[in-house]
Amino acid sequence: MAIPPGAIPSRRRDAAANLQVSVTQLLVPPADPPDGATFGGPLIYLEPSGTKFNEPGVNVSMPLLEMLLETDLMRAGVFRLVDGVWVEVRSESMFTPLKDEKRYIQEQTGFTLTFSAYALIILAKPLVKATTTSLLITTTPPPRDTS
């Protein structure tokens, strides 16, 4: 976890040196992952719960239990528990290139403005549907009857 400069609200900057943060691993998930998804790493609880931060927020790096091959089908995401439901937060993948020149996700860094429960979740990438339209394009006007 990293708290960058400016993330602690000004009313608490003087208390920043005394800000005590704890990270607890949750052994029992407080909620199921979204449909079709699985937990890909430890679930954690950041305290004090409800602590609010300014942009850019806090960086929470979460390692995967097993490296995930970067493919078009699966992805990793960091999720925060909100009212009993896992909600995805903005995150970035950290890759490890191996000898086979493929990229493997080894950890995911999420960005958040508040403390709560967090999980690294593996889920399917959204399908991109190609759409085509049929437009009749003509460059020559139709013939006119001049009789």
C-alpha atoms as a PDB file:
ATOM      1  CA  MET A   1       0.000   0.000   0.000  1.00  0.00           C
ATOM      2  CA  ALA A   2       1.249   3.476  -0.831  1.00  0.00           C
ATOM      3  CA  ILE A   3      -0.221   6.804   0.279  1.00  0.00           C
ATOM      4  CA  PRO A   4       1.149   9.477  -2.092  1.00  0.00           C
ATOM      5  CA  PRO A   5       1.679  13.126  -1.077  1.00  0.00           C
ATOM      6  CA  GLY A   6      -1.559  15.105  -0.989  1.00  0.00           C
ATOM      7  CA  ALA A   7      -3.795  12.057  -0.503  1.00  0.00           C
ATOM      8  CA  ILE A   8      -4.351  12.775   3.194  1.00  0.00           C
ATOM      9  CA  PRO A   9      -6.933  15.559   3.602  1.00  0.00           C
ATOM     10  CA  SER A  10      -5.480  18.849   4.895  1.00  0.00           C
ATOM     11  CA  ARG A  11      -7.315  18.636   8.226  1.00  0.00           C
ATOM     12  CA  ARG A  12      -5.428  15.405   8.907  1.00  0.00           C
ATOM     13  CA  ARG A  13      -2.001  16.304   7.495  1.00  0.00           C
ATOM     14  CA  ASP A  14      -0.755  17.277  10.927  1.00  0.00           C
ATOM     15  CA  ALA A  15      -1.931  13.874  12.152  1.00  0.00           C
ATOM     16  CA  ALA A  16      -0.419  12.040   9.169  1.00  0.00           C
ATOM     17  CA  ALA A  17       2.632  11.058  11.161  1.00  0.00           C
ATOM     18  CA  ASN A  18       0.303   9.405  13.674  1.00  0.00           C
ATOM     19  CA  LEU A  19      -2.054   7.817  11.137  1.00  0.00           C
ATOM     20  CA  GLN A  20      -2.120   4.141  11.986  1.00  0.00           C
ATOM     21  CA  VAL A  21      -3.136   1.880   9.151  1.00  0.00           C
ATOM     22  CA  SER A  22      -3.727  -1.831   9.446  1.00  0.00           C
ATOM     23  CA  VAL A  23      -4.162  -4.515   6.814  1.00  0.00           C
ATOM     24  CA  THR A  24      -5.940  -7.712   7.819  1.00  0.00           C
ATOM     25  CA  GLN A  25      -6.260 -10.763   5.617  1.00  0.00           C
ATOM     26  CA  LEU A  26      -9.846 -12.008   5.505  1.00  0.00           C
ATOM     27  CA  LEU A  27     -10.013 -15.793   5.726  1.00  0.00           C
ATOM     28  CA  VAL A  28     -13.747 -15.916   4.983  1.00  0.00           C
ATOM     29  CA  PRO A  29     -15.011 -13.826   2.039  1.00  0.00           C
ATOM     30  CA  PRO A  30     -17.646 -11.312   3.195  1.00  0.00           C
ATOM     31  CA  ALA A  31     -19.438 -11.721  -0.165  1.00  0.00           C
ATOM     32  CA  ASP A  32     -19.247 -13.963  -3.223  1.00  0.00           C
ATOM     33  CA  PRO A  33     -17.357 -12.701  -6.289  1.00  0.00           C
ATOM     34  CA  PRO A  34     -19.426 -11.533  -9.278  1.00  0.00           C
ATOM     35  CA  ASP A  35     -21.019 -14.258 -11.415  1.00  0.00           C
ATOM     36  CA  GLY A  36     -18.445 -16.181 -13.431  1.00  0.00           C
ATOM     37  CA  ALA A  37     -15.499 -14.672 -11.507  1.00  0.00           C
ATOM     38  CA  THR A  38     -13.112 -16.104  -8.913  1.00  0.00           C
ATOM     39  CA  PHE A  39     -10.908 -14.681  -6.207  1.00  0.00           C
ATOM     40  CA  GLY A  40      -7.341 -14.489  -7.528  1.00  0.00           C
ATOM     41  CA  GLY A  41      -5.534 -13.486  -4.373  1.00  0.00           C
ATOM     42  CA  PRO A  42      -5.985 -12.823  -0.688  1.00  0.00           C
ATOM     43  CA  LEU A  43      -8.901 -10.706   0.475  1.00  0.00           C
ATOM     44  CA  ILE A  44      -7.860  -7.833   2.714  1.00  0.00           C
ATOM     45  CA  TYR A  45      -9.486  -5.321   5.015  1.00  0.00           C
ATOM     46  CA  LEU A  46      -7.889  -1.879   5.278  1.00  0.00           C
ATOM     47  CA  GLU A  47      -8.501   0.056   8.478  1.00  0.00           C
ATOM     48  CA  PRO A  48      -9.573   2.414   9.780  1.00  0.00           C
ATOM     49  CA  SER A  49     -12.617   1.624   7.653  1.00  0.00           C
ATOM     50  CA  GLY A  50     -14.247   4.627   6.032  1.00  0.00           C
ATOM     51  CA  THR A  51     -11.051   6.717   6.038  1.00  0.00           C
ATOM     52  CA  LYS A  52     -11.333   9.129   3.089  1.00  0.00           C
ATOM     53  CA  PHE A  53      -8.450  10.286   0.904  1.00  0.00           C
ATOM     54  CA  ASN A  54      -7.974  12.995  -1.716  1.00  0.00           C
ATOM     55  CA  GLU A  55      -7.141  12.251  -5.354  1.00  0.00           C
ATOM     56  CA  PRO A  56      -5.040  10.457  -6.492  1.00  0.00           C
ATOM     57  CA  GLY A  57      -6.000   8.202  -3.590  1.00  0.00           C
ATOM     58  CA  VAL A  58      -4.200   5.230  -2.109  1.00  0.00           C
ATOM     59  CA  ASN A  59      -2.473   2.549  -4.194  1.00  0.00           C
ATOM     60  CA  VAL A  60      -3.259  -0.990  -3.072  1.00  0.00           C
ATOM     61  CA  SER A  61      -1.032  -3.628  -4.705  1.00  0.00           C
ATOM     62  CA  MET A  62      -2.371  -7.162  -4.594  1.00  0.00           C
ATOM     63  CA  PRO A  63      -0.366 -10.210  -5.749  1.00  0.00           C
ATOM     64  CA  LEU A  64      -2.067 -13.007  -7.650  1.00  0.00           C
ATOM     65  CA  LEU A  65      -1.949 -16.468  -6.091  1.00  0.00           C
ATOM     66  CA  GLU A  66      -0.879 -17.757  -9.509  1.00  0.00           C
ATOM     67  CA  MET A  67       0.404 -15.612 -12.364  1.00  0.00           C
ATOM     68  CA  LEU A  68      -2.276 -15.035 -14.988  1.00  0.00           C
ATOM     69  CA  LEU A  69      -1.342 -15.244 -18.650  1.00  0.00           C
ATOM     70  CA  GLU A  70      -2.442 -12.107 -20.452  1.00  0.00           C
ATOM     71  CA  THR A  71      -5.077 -13.245 -22.950  1.00  0.00           C
ATOM     72  CA  ASP A  72      -8.076 -11.849 -24.729  1.00  0.00           C
ATOM     73  CA  LEU A  73     -10.395 -13.840 -22.472  1.00  0.00           C
ATOM     74  CA  MET A  74      -9.449 -13.207 -18.819  1.00  0.00           C
ATOM     75  CA  ARG A  75      -8.324 -10.232 -16.750  1.00  0.00           C
ATOM     76  CA  ALA A  76      -7.632  -9.293 -13.152  1.00  0.00           C
ATOM     77  CA  GLY A  77      -9.313  -6.447 -11.286  1.00  0.00           C
ATOM     78  CA  VAL A  78      -9.258  -4.933  -7.808  1.00  0.00           C
ATOM     79  CA  PHE A  79     -12.681  -4.746  -6.171  1.00  0.00           C
ATOM     80  CA  ARG A  80     -13.918  -2.919  -3.057  1.00  0.00           C
ATOM     81  CA  LEU A  81     -16.786  -4.201  -0.947  1.00  0.00           C
ATOM     82  CA  VAL A  82     -19.673  -1.693  -1.028  1.00  0.00           C
ATOM     83  CA  ASP A  83     -22.916  -2.575   0.778  1.00  0.00           C
ATOM     84  CA  GLY A  84     -22.188  -6.299   0.457  1.00  0.00           C
ATOM     85  CA  VAL A  85     -21.321  -6.184  -3.264  1.00  0.00           C
ATOM     86  CA  TRP A  86     -17.871  -6.218  -4.887  1.00  0.00           C
ATOM     87  CA  VAL A  87     -17.444  -3.043  -6.980  1.00  0.00           C
ATOM     88  CA  GLU A  88     -14.450  -2.682  -9.286  1.00  0.00           C
ATOM     89  CA  VAL A  89     -12.042   0.194  -8.723  1.00  0.00           C
ATOM     90  CA  ARG A  90      -9.601   1.583 -11.264  1.00  0.00           C
ATOM     91  CA  SER A  91      -6.557  -0.672 -11.405  1.00  0.00           C
ATOM     92  CA  GLU A  92      -3.455  -1.498 -13.434  1.00  0.00           C
ATOM     93  CA  SER A  93      -1.725  -4.820 -14.062  1.00  0.00           C
ATOM     94  CA  MET A  94       1.935  -5.403 -13.288  1.00  0.00           C
ATOM     95  CA  PHE A  95       3.435  -7.852 -15.786  1.00  0.00           C
ATOM     96  CA  THR A  96       6.304 -10.324 -15.737  1.00  0.00           C
ATOM     97  CA  PRO A  97       7.672 -11.303 -19.142  1.00  0.00           C
ATOM     98  CA  LEU A  98       8.982 -14.865 -19.217  1.00  0.00           C
ATOM     99  CA  LYS A  99      11.264 -16.693 -21.624  1.00  0.00           C
ATOM    100  CA  ASP A 100       8.345 -17.650 -23.870  1.00  0.00           C
ATOM    101  CA  GLU A 101       7.814 -13.899 -24.546  1.00  0.00           C
ATOM    102  CA  LYS A 102       4.293 -14.036 -23.134  1.00  0.00           C
ATOM    103  CA  ARG A 103       3.215 -11.568 -20.475  1.00  0.00           C
ATOM    104  CA  TYR A 104       1.925 -12.790 -17.143  1.00  0.00           C
ATOM    105  CA  ILE A 105       0.052 -10.634 -14.632  1.00  0.00           C
ATOM    106  CA  GLN A 106       1.752 -11.055 -11.273  1.00  0.00           C
ATOM    107  CA  GLU A 107      -0.020  -8.325  -9.328  1.00  0.00           C
ATOM    108  CA  GLN A 108      -2.777  -5.777  -9.713  1.00  0.00           C
ATOM    109  CA  THR A 109      -2.627  -2.265  -8.236  1.00  0.00           C
ATOM    110  CA  GLY A 110      -5.946  -0.654  -7.384  1.00  0.00           C
ATOM    111  CA  PHE A 111      -6.553   3.024  -6.683  1.00  0.00           C
ATOM    112  CA  THR A 112      -9.049   3.973  -4.007  1.00  0.00           C
ATOM    113  CA  LEU A 113     -10.244   6.989  -2.048  1.00  0.00           C
ATOM    114  CA  THR A 114     -11.473   5.073   0.998  1.00  0.00           C
ATOM    115  CA  PHE A 115     -10.578   2.105   3.196  1.00  0.00           C
ATOM    116  CA  SER A 116     -12.755  -0.998   3.218  1.00  0.00           C
ATOM    117  CA  ALA A 117     -12.497  -4.677   2.232  1.00  0.00           C
ATOM    118  CA  TYR A 118     -10.655  -5.376  -1.043  1.00  0.00           C
ATOM    119  CA  ALA A 119     -10.272  -8.415  -3.267  1.00  0.00           C
ATOM    120  CA  LEU A 120      -8.315  -9.320  -6.356  1.00  0.00           C
ATOM    121  CA  ILE A 121     -10.820 -10.937  -8.698  1.00  0.00           C
ATOM    122  CA  ILE A 122     -10.232 -12.812 -11.972  1.00  0.00           C
ATOM    123  CA  LEU A 123     -13.030 -12.354 -14.482  1.00  0.00           C
ATOM    124  CA  ALA A 124     -13.802 -12.627 -18.162  1.00  0.00           C
ATOM    125  CA  LYS A 125     -13.037  -9.684 -20.383  1.00  0.00           C
ATOM    126  CA  PRO A 126     -16.142  -8.123 -21.903  1.00  0.00           C
ATOM    127  CA  LEU A 127     -16.882  -9.378 -25.366  1.00  0.00           C
ATOM    128  CA  VAL A 128     -16.481  -6.776 -28.070  1.00  0.00           C
ATOM    129  CA  LYS A 129     -19.211  -7.162 -30.630  1.00  0.00           C
ATOM    130  CA  ALA A 130     -18.558  -5.948 -34.128  1.00  0.00           C
ATOM    131  CA  THR A 131     -21.466  -4.195 -35.726  1.00  0.00           C
ATOM    132  CA  THR A 132     -21.893  -3.429 -39.370  1.00  0.00           C
ATOM    133  CA  THR A 133     -24.377  -1.239 -41.092  1.00  0.00           C
ATOM    134  CA  SER A 134     -25.513  -1.283 -44.666  1.00  0.00           C
ATOM    135  CA  LEU A 135     -25.578   2.128 -46.228  1.00  0.00           C
ATOM    136  CA  LEU A 136     -26.287   2.678 -49.870  1.00  0.00           C
ATOM    137  CA  ILE A 137     -23.705   5.136 -51.109  1.00  0.00           C
ATOM    138  CA  THR A 138     -23.929   6.440 -54.639  1.00  0.00           C
ATOM    139  CA  THR A 139     -21.816   9.001 -56.351  1.00  0.00           C
ATOM    140  CA  THR A 140     -23.833   9.244 -59.538  1.00  0.00           C
ATOM    141  CA  PRO A 141     -27.380  10.610 -59.379  1.00  0.00           C
ATOM    142  CA  PRO A 142     -30.080   8.348 -60.776  1.00  0.00           C
ATOM    143  CA  PRO A 143     -31.083   8.946 -64.416  1.00  0.00           C
ATOM    144  CA  ARG A 144     -33.827  11.541 -64.983  1.00  0.00           C
ATOM    145  CA  ASP A 145     -36.624  11.273 -67.461  1.00  0.00           C
ATOM    146  CA  THR A 146     -36.249  14.289 -69.732  1.00  0.00           C
ATOM    147  CA  SER A 147     -39.068  13.484 -72.153  1.00  0.00           C
END
